[in-house]
């Protein structure tokens, strides 16, 4: 299947499912974000994505760490009555 044919098929499938078409890069980003949210090690994700180093992955997905910090803070902050 050539790239043009794949692109047309993909767009038709998205329209059929009433969803906005997405790029392969967006799918890659979703995949990596989901892996990290579910607890995959950043080293593993960096290797799968083919990044030059873990630092590249950390820079791109830094927002994940910020979200996790806020979640953990809300979960364990003493003001919420957490036993420790």
N, C-alpha and C. Protein backbone atom coordinates (compact mmCIF):
# COMPACT_ATOMS: atom_id res chain seq x y z
N UNK A 1 0.85 -1.17 0.00
CA UNK A 1 0.00 0.00 0.00
C UNK A 1 0.90 1.23 0.00
N UNK A 2 0.65 2.14 -0.90
CA UNK A 2 1.45 3.36 -0.96
C UNK A 2 0.94 4.35 0.09
N UNK A 3 1.77 5.34 0.40
CA UNK A 3 1.44 6.31 1.44
C UNK A 3 0.16 7.08 1.11
N UNK A 4 -0.02 7.43 -0.14
CA UNK A 4 -1.21 8.19 -0.53
C UNK A 4 -2.47 7.36 -0.31
N UNK A 5 -2.43 6.10 -0.68
CA UNK A 5 -3.57 5.21 -0.50
C UNK A 5 -3.88 5.02 0.99
N UNK A 6 -2.83 4.84 1.78
CA UNK A 6 -3.00 4.70 3.23
C UNK A 6 -3.64 5.95 3.81
N UNK A 7 -3.16 7.12 3.38
CA UNK A 7 -3.67 8.39 3.90
C UNK A 7 -5.16 8.53 3.60
N UNK A 8 -5.56 8.21 2.38
CA UNK A 8 -6.98 8.31 2.00
C UNK A 8 -7.83 7.33 2.80
N UNK A 9 -7.34 6.11 2.96
CA UNK A 9 -8.08 5.11 3.74
C UNK A 9 -8.21 5.54 5.19
N UNK A 10 -7.15 6.06 5.74
CA UNK A 10 -7.14 6.54 7.13
C UNK A 10 -8.16 7.66 7.32
N UNK A 11 -8.16 8.63 6.41
CA UNK A 11 -9.11 9.75 6.51
C UNK A 11 -10.55 9.26 6.41
N UNK A 12 -10.82 8.33 5.49
CA UNK A 12 -12.17 7.79 5.36
C UNK A 12 -12.60 7.06 6.63
N UNK A 13 -11.68 6.30 7.22
CA UNK A 13 -11.99 5.57 8.45
C UNK A 13 -12.29 6.54 9.60
N UNK A 14 -11.53 7.62 9.68
CA UNK A 14 -11.77 8.62 10.73
C UNK A 14 -13.13 9.28 10.55
N UNK A 15 -13.46 9.60 9.31
CA UNK A 15 -14.77 10.20 9.04
C UNK A 15 -15.88 9.21 9.40
N UNK A 16 -15.69 7.96 9.02
CA UNK A 16 -16.66 6.92 9.33
C UNK A 16 -16.89 6.81 10.83
N UNK A 17 -15.84 6.92 11.61
CA UNK A 17 -15.92 6.81 13.07
C UNK A 17 -16.23 8.14 13.75
N UNK A 18 -16.43 9.18 12.94
CA UNK A 18 -16.73 10.53 13.43
C UNK A 18 -15.66 11.04 14.38
N UNK A 19 -14.43 10.88 13.96
CA UNK A 19 -13.31 11.38 14.74
C UNK A 19 -12.39 12.19 13.84
N UNK A 20 -11.68 13.11 14.43
CA UNK A 20 -10.75 13.94 13.66
C UNK A 20 -9.58 13.09 13.19
N UNK A 21 -9.17 13.24 11.94
CA UNK A 21 -7.98 12.50 11.49
C UNK A 21 -6.76 12.91 12.32
N UNK A 22 -5.86 11.98 12.49
CA UNK A 22 -4.63 12.24 13.25
C UNK A 22 -3.43 11.80 12.43
N UNK A 23 -2.32 12.39 12.75
CA UNK A 23 -1.09 12.07 12.03
C UNK A 23 -0.36 10.90 12.71
N UNK A 24 0.54 10.25 11.99
CA UNK A 24 1.35 9.21 12.63
C UNK A 24 2.12 9.76 13.84
N UNK A 25 2.56 11.01 13.75
CA UNK A 25 3.29 11.60 14.87
C UNK A 25 2.39 11.75 16.10
N UNK A 26 1.13 12.13 15.88
CA UNK A 26 0.19 12.24 17.00
C UNK A 26 -0.05 10.86 17.63
N UNK A 27 -0.14 9.84 16.82
CA UNK A 27 -0.32 8.48 17.33
C UNK A 27 0.90 8.06 18.14
N UNK A 28 2.08 8.38 17.65
CA UNK A 28 3.33 8.08 18.38
C UNK A 28 3.35 8.78 19.73
N UNK A 29 2.95 10.05 19.75
CA UNK A 29 2.93 10.83 20.99
C UNK A 29 1.92 10.23 21.98
N UNK A 30 0.75 9.86 21.48
CA UNK A 30 -0.27 9.24 22.32
C UNK A 30 0.26 7.93 22.92
N UNK A 31 0.91 7.12 22.11
CA UNK A 31 1.47 5.85 22.55
C UNK A 31 2.48 6.07 23.68
N UNK A 32 3.41 6.99 23.47
CA UNK A 32 4.44 7.24 24.47
C UNK A 32 3.83 7.82 25.75
N UNK A 33 2.90 8.76 25.60
CA UNK A 33 2.26 9.36 26.77
C UNK A 33 1.52 8.31 27.58
N UNK A 34 0.80 7.44 26.90
CA UNK A 34 0.05 6.39 27.59
C UNK A 34 0.99 5.45 28.31
N UNK A 35 2.07 5.05 27.66
CA UNK A 35 3.04 4.16 28.32
C UNK A 35 3.58 4.78 29.60
N UNK A 36 3.95 6.06 29.53
CA UNK A 36 4.50 6.73 30.70
C UNK A 36 3.45 6.87 31.80
N UNK A 37 2.23 7.21 31.43
CA UNK A 37 1.16 7.33 32.44
C UNK A 37 0.90 6.01 33.14
N UNK A 38 1.05 4.92 32.42
CA UNK A 38 0.80 3.61 32.99
C UNK A 38 2.02 3.04 33.72
N UNK A 39 3.09 3.84 33.81
CA UNK A 39 4.23 3.45 34.63
C UNK A 39 5.43 2.88 33.91
N UNK A 40 5.47 2.94 32.59
CA UNK A 40 6.65 2.44 31.87
C UNK A 40 7.85 3.30 32.22
N UNK A 41 9.01 2.71 32.25
CA UNK A 41 10.23 3.44 32.54
C UNK A 41 10.58 4.33 31.35
N UNK A 42 11.01 5.55 31.66
CA UNK A 42 11.33 6.51 30.61
C UNK A 42 12.45 5.98 29.71
N UNK A 43 13.35 5.18 30.26
CA UNK A 43 14.44 4.61 29.47
C UNK A 43 13.90 3.68 28.38
N UNK A 44 12.87 2.92 28.73
CA UNK A 44 12.26 1.98 27.79
C UNK A 44 11.54 2.75 26.68
N UNK A 45 10.76 3.76 27.08
CA UNK A 45 10.03 4.56 26.10
C UNK A 45 11.01 5.26 25.16
N UNK A 46 12.09 5.81 25.71
CA UNK A 46 13.09 6.50 24.89
C UNK A 46 13.68 5.54 23.85
N UNK A 47 13.94 4.33 24.27
CA UNK A 47 14.52 3.33 23.35
C UNK A 47 13.54 2.95 22.25
N UNK A 48 12.27 2.73 22.63
CA UNK A 48 11.25 2.35 21.65
C UNK A 48 11.07 3.47 20.62
N UNK A 49 11.08 4.73 21.09
CA UNK A 49 10.88 5.86 20.19
C UNK A 49 12.11 6.18 19.36
N UNK A 50 13.25 5.60 19.74
CA UNK A 50 14.48 5.85 18.99
C UNK A 50 15.12 7.19 19.29
N UNK A 51 14.83 7.74 20.47
CA UNK A 51 15.45 9.00 20.85
C UNK A 51 16.94 8.82 21.10
N UNK A 52 17.71 9.87 20.87
CA UNK A 52 19.16 9.82 21.04
C UNK A 52 19.54 9.56 22.49
N UNK A 53 18.70 9.97 23.40
CA UNK A 53 18.97 9.76 24.82
C UNK A 53 17.72 9.97 25.64
N UNK A 54 17.78 9.58 26.90
CA UNK A 54 16.65 9.71 27.80
C UNK A 54 16.29 11.18 28.00
N UNK A 55 17.29 12.06 27.92
CA UNK A 55 17.05 13.49 28.10
C UNK A 55 16.07 14.05 27.07
N UNK A 56 16.15 13.55 25.85
CA UNK A 56 15.23 14.00 24.79
C UNK A 56 13.80 13.63 25.19
N UNK A 57 13.60 12.41 25.63
CA UNK A 57 12.28 11.94 26.03
C UNK A 57 11.77 12.74 27.23
N UNK A 58 12.65 12.97 28.19
CA UNK A 58 12.25 13.75 29.37
C UNK A 58 11.85 15.17 29.00
N UNK A 59 12.58 15.79 28.07
CA UNK A 59 12.24 17.15 27.65
C UNK A 59 10.87 17.18 26.97
N UNK A 60 10.59 16.22 26.12
CA UNK A 60 9.34 16.19 25.38
C UNK A 60 8.15 15.89 26.29
N UNK A 61 8.35 14.97 27.23
CA UNK A 61 7.25 14.51 28.07
C UNK A 61 7.34 15.06 29.50
N UNK A 62 7.97 16.20 29.66
CA UNK A 62 8.12 16.82 30.98
C UNK A 62 6.76 17.08 31.63
N UNK A 63 5.76 17.45 30.83
CA UNK A 63 4.42 17.72 31.36
C UNK A 63 3.85 16.51 32.11
N UNK A 64 4.29 15.31 31.73
CA UNK A 64 3.83 14.11 32.42
C UNK A 64 4.28 14.14 33.87
N UNK A 65 5.53 14.54 34.09
CA UNK A 65 6.06 14.58 35.44
C UNK A 65 5.30 15.61 36.27
N UNK A 66 4.97 16.74 35.67
CA UNK A 66 4.24 17.79 36.38
C UNK A 66 2.86 17.28 36.79
N UNK A 67 2.16 16.60 35.88
CA UNK A 67 0.85 16.03 36.20
C UNK A 67 0.96 15.04 37.35
N UNK A 68 2.00 14.20 37.29
CA UNK A 68 2.17 13.18 38.32
C UNK A 68 2.46 13.83 39.68
N UNK A 69 3.24 14.88 39.68
CA UNK A 69 3.55 15.59 40.93
C UNK A 69 2.26 16.12 41.55
N UNK A 70 1.42 16.75 40.74
CA UNK A 70 0.16 17.29 41.26
C UNK A 70 -0.75 16.18 41.79
N UNK A 71 -0.83 15.07 41.08
CA UNK A 71 -1.66 13.94 41.54
C UNK A 71 -1.15 13.38 42.85
N UNK A 72 0.16 13.16 42.92
CA UNK A 72 0.74 12.60 44.13
C UNK A 72 0.60 13.58 45.31
N UNK A 73 0.77 14.85 45.04
CA UNK A 73 0.61 15.85 46.09
C UNK A 73 -0.81 15.81 46.63
N UNK A 74 -1.79 15.81 45.74
CA UNK A 74 -3.18 15.75 46.16
C UNK A 74 -3.51 14.49 46.93
N UNK A 75 -2.83 13.43 46.59
CA UNK A 75 -3.09 12.13 47.22
C UNK A 75 -2.47 12.03 48.62
N UNK A 76 -1.30 12.64 48.80
CA UNK A 76 -0.57 12.44 50.03
C UNK A 76 -0.41 13.68 50.91
N UNK A 77 -0.95 14.82 50.50
CA UNK A 77 -0.80 16.00 51.29
C UNK A 77 -1.44 15.80 52.68
N UNK A 78 -0.73 16.15 53.74
CA UNK A 78 -1.25 15.91 55.10
C UNK A 78 -2.61 16.58 55.35
N UNK A 79 -2.89 17.67 54.68
CA UNK A 79 -4.16 18.35 54.89
C UNK A 79 -5.36 17.53 54.45
N UNK A 80 -5.12 16.52 53.64
CA UNK A 80 -6.20 15.64 53.20
C UNK A 80 -6.45 14.49 54.17
N UNK A 81 -5.72 14.49 55.26
CA UNK A 81 -5.92 13.46 56.29
C UNK A 81 -5.31 12.12 55.97
N UNK A 82 -4.33 12.10 55.08
CA UNK A 82 -3.65 10.83 54.75
C UNK A 82 -2.87 10.37 55.98
N UNK A 83 -2.97 9.09 56.32
CA UNK A 83 -2.32 8.57 57.54
C UNK A 83 -0.80 8.52 57.48
N UNK A 84 -0.22 8.74 56.32
CA UNK A 84 1.24 8.72 56.27
C UNK A 84 1.77 7.84 55.29
